[in-house]
């Protein structure tokens, strides 16, 4: 049975799966609907995504504007620092974030509810990142925030080398400029 760790932001949960290992390798459940529901996480996932990135790549901070997605994220190989930023209009933690190191070694998962911006930076030479979503991707609905917004104040880990951003991610607004608030 996995361990579900509540964070300082309501609905954001770190999940440590039960790993069974021996000299052949390991086995673990990455998702069990009954366990999730028993821990108050009632999601129906409809899409799985996967990416591979090299060291220093920072993806984010992303969200969908009118089709917000809950995400269950994890790393298959490598290591990332993953963040979720609360954008829920009436939340006492609006504009705050939770960050966690996810790796192929620690096998941790991060449950991010709807109403959050999400992003990660790759700490290892490469990382394979995968996540489940509870709504489909709508390209016309993309939104984002600048990863280094001083009002959010994410403490990204230091990496050797430069941060690598997509052209799109270089142009995201600051939170105070975007006025994004999810009424969930």
Protein backbone atom coordinates (compact mmCIF):
# COMPACT_ATOMS: atom_id res chain seq x y z
CA UNK A 1 0.00 0.00 0.00
CA UNK A 2 1.33 3.43 -0.98
CA UNK A 3 1.92 6.25 1.49
CA UNK A 4 -0.01 9.46 0.74
CA UNK A 5 1.69 12.58 2.15
CA UNK A 6 -0.39 15.76 2.36
CA UNK A 7 1.47 19.00 1.67
CA UNK A 8 0.92 22.53 2.95
CA UNK A 9 -1.36 23.19 -0.04
CA UNK A 10 -4.79 21.56 0.04
CA UNK A 11 -5.14 18.79 -2.54
CA UNK A 12 -1.45 18.53 -3.48
CA UNK A 13 -0.18 15.11 -2.40
CA UNK A 14 3.18 13.34 -2.58
CA UNK A 15 2.80 9.59 -3.05
CA UNK A 16 5.43 7.05 -2.05
CA UNK A 17 4.48 3.77 -3.70
CA UNK A 18 5.17 0.43 -2.06
CA UNK A 19 8.09 -1.09 -3.97
CA UNK A 20 8.77 -4.81 -3.93
CA UNK A 21 12.33 -5.57 -4.96
CA UNK A 22 14.77 -8.45 -5.11
CA UNK A 23 17.79 -9.50 -7.15
CA UNK A 24 15.64 -9.55 -10.33
CA UNK A 25 14.52 -5.93 -10.06
CA UNK A 26 11.33 -4.43 -8.63
CA UNK A 27 7.55 -4.25 -8.94
CA UNK A 28 5.19 -1.46 -7.85
CA UNK A 29 1.67 -0.26 -8.50
CA UNK A 30 1.80 3.21 -10.03
CA UNK A 31 -1.95 3.76 -9.72
CA UNK A 32 -4.69 2.02 -7.79
CA UNK A 33 -8.10 3.69 -8.00
CA UNK A 34 -9.29 2.21 -4.69
CA UNK A 35 -6.22 3.50 -2.79
CA UNK A 36 -6.55 6.93 -4.36
CA UNK A 37 -10.25 7.17 -3.49
CA UNK A 38 -9.56 5.97 0.07
CA UNK A 39 -7.18 8.94 0.35
CA UNK A 40 -9.69 11.47 -1.00
CA UNK A 41 -8.26 11.58 -4.53
CA UNK A 42 -11.25 10.98 -6.79
CA UNK A 43 -9.95 11.28 -10.34
CA UNK A 44 -10.76 9.65 -13.64
CA UNK A 45 -7.68 9.83 -15.84
CA UNK A 46 -8.24 10.10 -19.60
CA UNK A 47 -4.80 10.78 -21.07
CA UNK A 48 -1.18 9.72 -20.40
CA UNK A 49 1.78 11.84 -21.56
CA UNK A 50 5.53 11.26 -21.56
CA UNK A 51 8.55 13.44 -22.29
CA UNK A 52 12.31 13.04 -22.27
CA UNK A 53 14.52 16.05 -21.59
CA UNK A 54 18.16 16.80 -21.01
CA UNK A 55 19.79 18.45 -18.01
CA UNK A 56 18.74 22.05 -17.44
CA UNK A 57 15.51 21.84 -19.44
CA UNK A 58 12.75 23.66 -17.59
CA UNK A 59 9.22 22.97 -18.76
CA UNK A 60 6.58 25.28 -17.37
CA UNK A 61 4.85 26.78 -15.69
CA UNK A 62 1.89 25.41 -17.67
CA UNK A 63 -1.88 25.12 -17.29
CA UNK A 64 -5.01 25.05 -19.42
CA UNK A 65 -7.23 28.11 -19.03
CA UNK A 66 -10.76 26.74 -19.46
CA UNK A 67 -10.05 22.99 -19.39
CA UNK A 68 -7.90 22.68 -16.25
CA UNK A 69 -6.27 19.31 -15.71
CA UNK A 70 -5.41 17.37 -12.58
CA UNK A 71 -2.09 15.56 -13.08
CA UNK A 72 -0.44 12.55 -11.48
CA UNK A 73 3.25 12.98 -12.36
CA UNK A 74 6.35 10.80 -11.93
CA UNK A 75 9.82 10.21 -13.34
CA UNK A 76 10.76 6.89 -14.95
CA UNK A 77 14.50 7.59 -15.23
CA UNK A 78 16.61 10.51 -14.09
CA UNK A 79 15.70 13.26 -11.65
CA UNK A 80 13.64 16.46 -11.75
CA UNK A 81 12.50 19.16 -9.37
CA UNK A 82 8.74 19.41 -9.88
CA UNK A 83 6.47 22.27 -8.78
CA UNK A 84 2.77 23.02 -8.51
CA UNK A 85 1.58 26.63 -8.11
CA UNK A 86 -1.88 27.25 -6.64
CA UNK A 87 -4.05 29.40 -8.94
CA UNK A 88 -7.41 28.70 -7.29
CA UNK A 89 -9.27 31.99 -6.81
CA UNK A 90 -10.53 31.48 -3.26
CA UNK A 91 -7.61 29.43 -1.95
CA UNK A 92 -5.71 30.69 1.11
CA UNK A 93 -2.55 29.50 -0.67
CA UNK A 94 -3.18 31.32 -3.98
CA UNK A 95 0.18 32.07 -5.64
CA UNK A 96 2.07 29.67 -3.35
CA UNK A 97 3.86 26.54 -4.54
CA UNK A 98 4.94 23.08 -3.46
CA UNK A 99 8.10 21.54 -4.88
CA UNK A 100 9.41 17.98 -4.72
CA UNK A 101 12.28 15.98 -6.19
CA UNK A 102 10.99 13.11 -8.33
CA UNK A 103 13.34 10.47 -9.66
CA UNK A 104 13.51 7.02 -11.13
CA UNK A 105 15.28 6.03 -7.95
CA UNK A 106 12.85 7.42 -5.33
CA UNK A 107 9.80 6.49 -7.47
CA UNK A 108 7.76 9.27 -5.83
CA UNK A 109 4.64 10.59 -7.50
CA UNK A 110 3.08 14.03 -7.23
CA UNK A 111 -0.70 14.56 -7.40
CA UNK A 112 -1.58 18.03 -8.65
CA UNK A 113 -5.28 18.98 -8.64
CA UNK A 114 -7.06 21.17 -11.17
CA UNK A 115 -6.37 24.87 -10.77
CA UNK A 116 -2.57 24.72 -10.62
CA UNK A 117 0.30 25.74 -12.87
CA UNK A 118 2.86 22.96 -13.22
CA UNK A 119 6.51 22.81 -14.19
CA UNK A 120 9.78 20.97 -13.67
CA UNK A 121 13.51 21.32 -14.23
CA UNK A 122 15.76 18.36 -15.11
CA UNK A 123 18.57 17.80 -12.58
CA UNK A 124 20.16 14.66 -14.10
CA UNK A 125 21.82 14.23 -17.50
CA UNK A 126 18.42 13.20 -18.92
CA UNK A 127 15.00 12.46 -17.44
CA UNK A 128 11.95 10.60 -18.70
CA UNK A 129 8.83 12.19 -17.24
CA UNK A 130 5.31 10.76 -17.41
CA UNK A 131 1.92 11.92 -16.20
CA UNK A 132 -1.75 11.08 -16.20
CA UNK A 133 -4.36 13.81 -16.83
CA UNK A 134 -8.03 13.93 -15.93
CA UNK A 135 -8.96 16.03 -18.98
CA UNK A 136 -7.75 16.04 -22.56
CA UNK A 137 -5.13 18.47 -23.86
CA UNK A 138 -6.55 21.42 -25.79
CA UNK A 139 -3.74 23.25 -27.63
CA UNK A 140 -5.80 26.41 -28.08
CA UNK A 141 -6.33 26.57 -24.31
CA UNK A 142 -2.68 26.71 -23.19
CA UNK A 143 -1.62 29.13 -20.52
CA UNK A 144 1.54 29.72 -18.59
CA UNK A 145 3.43 31.77 -16.06
CA UNK A 146 7.07 32.84 -16.01
CA UNK A 147 9.09 30.21 -14.13
CA UNK A 148 11.08 32.80 -12.17
CA UNK A 149 8.21 35.08 -11.14
CA UNK A 150 9.48 36.88 -8.00
CA UNK A 151 5.98 37.02 -6.50
CA UNK A 152 5.76 33.21 -6.57
CA UNK A 153 9.40 32.86 -5.51
CA UNK A 154 10.11 29.28 -6.56
CA UNK A 155 13.46 28.17 -5.19
CA UNK A 156 14.68 26.19 -8.19
CA UNK A 157 17.72 24.02 -7.45
CA UNK A 158 21.07 25.18 -8.82
CA UNK A 159 22.23 23.21 -11.83
CA UNK A 160 25.56 23.20 -13.65
CA UNK A 161 24.93 25.03 -16.89
CA UNK A 162 22.08 27.15 -18.13
CA UNK A 163 18.32 26.78 -17.84
CA UNK A 164 16.91 25.72 -21.22
CA UNK A 165 13.44 27.07 -22.02
CA UNK A 166 11.22 26.70 -25.07
CA UNK A 167 10.50 29.92 -26.99
CA UNK A 168 6.94 29.74 -25.68
CA UNK A 169 8.07 29.39 -22.05
CA UNK A 170 10.35 32.45 -22.38
CA UNK A 171 7.29 34.61 -23.11
CA UNK A 172 4.92 33.70 -20.28
CA UNK A 173 3.62 36.59 -18.16
CA UNK A 174 4.08 37.10 -14.44
CA UNK A 175 1.20 36.06 -12.17
CA UNK A 176 0.15 39.68 -11.48
CA UNK A 177 0.07 40.37 -15.24
CA UNK A 178 -1.89 37.24 -16.14
CA UNK A 179 -4.74 37.67 -13.67
CA UNK A 180 -5.39 33.92 -13.94
CA UNK A 181 -7.64 32.54 -11.21
CA UNK A 182 -9.46 29.25 -11.35
CA UNK A 183 -12.90 29.29 -9.72
CA UNK A 184 -13.01 25.66 -8.67
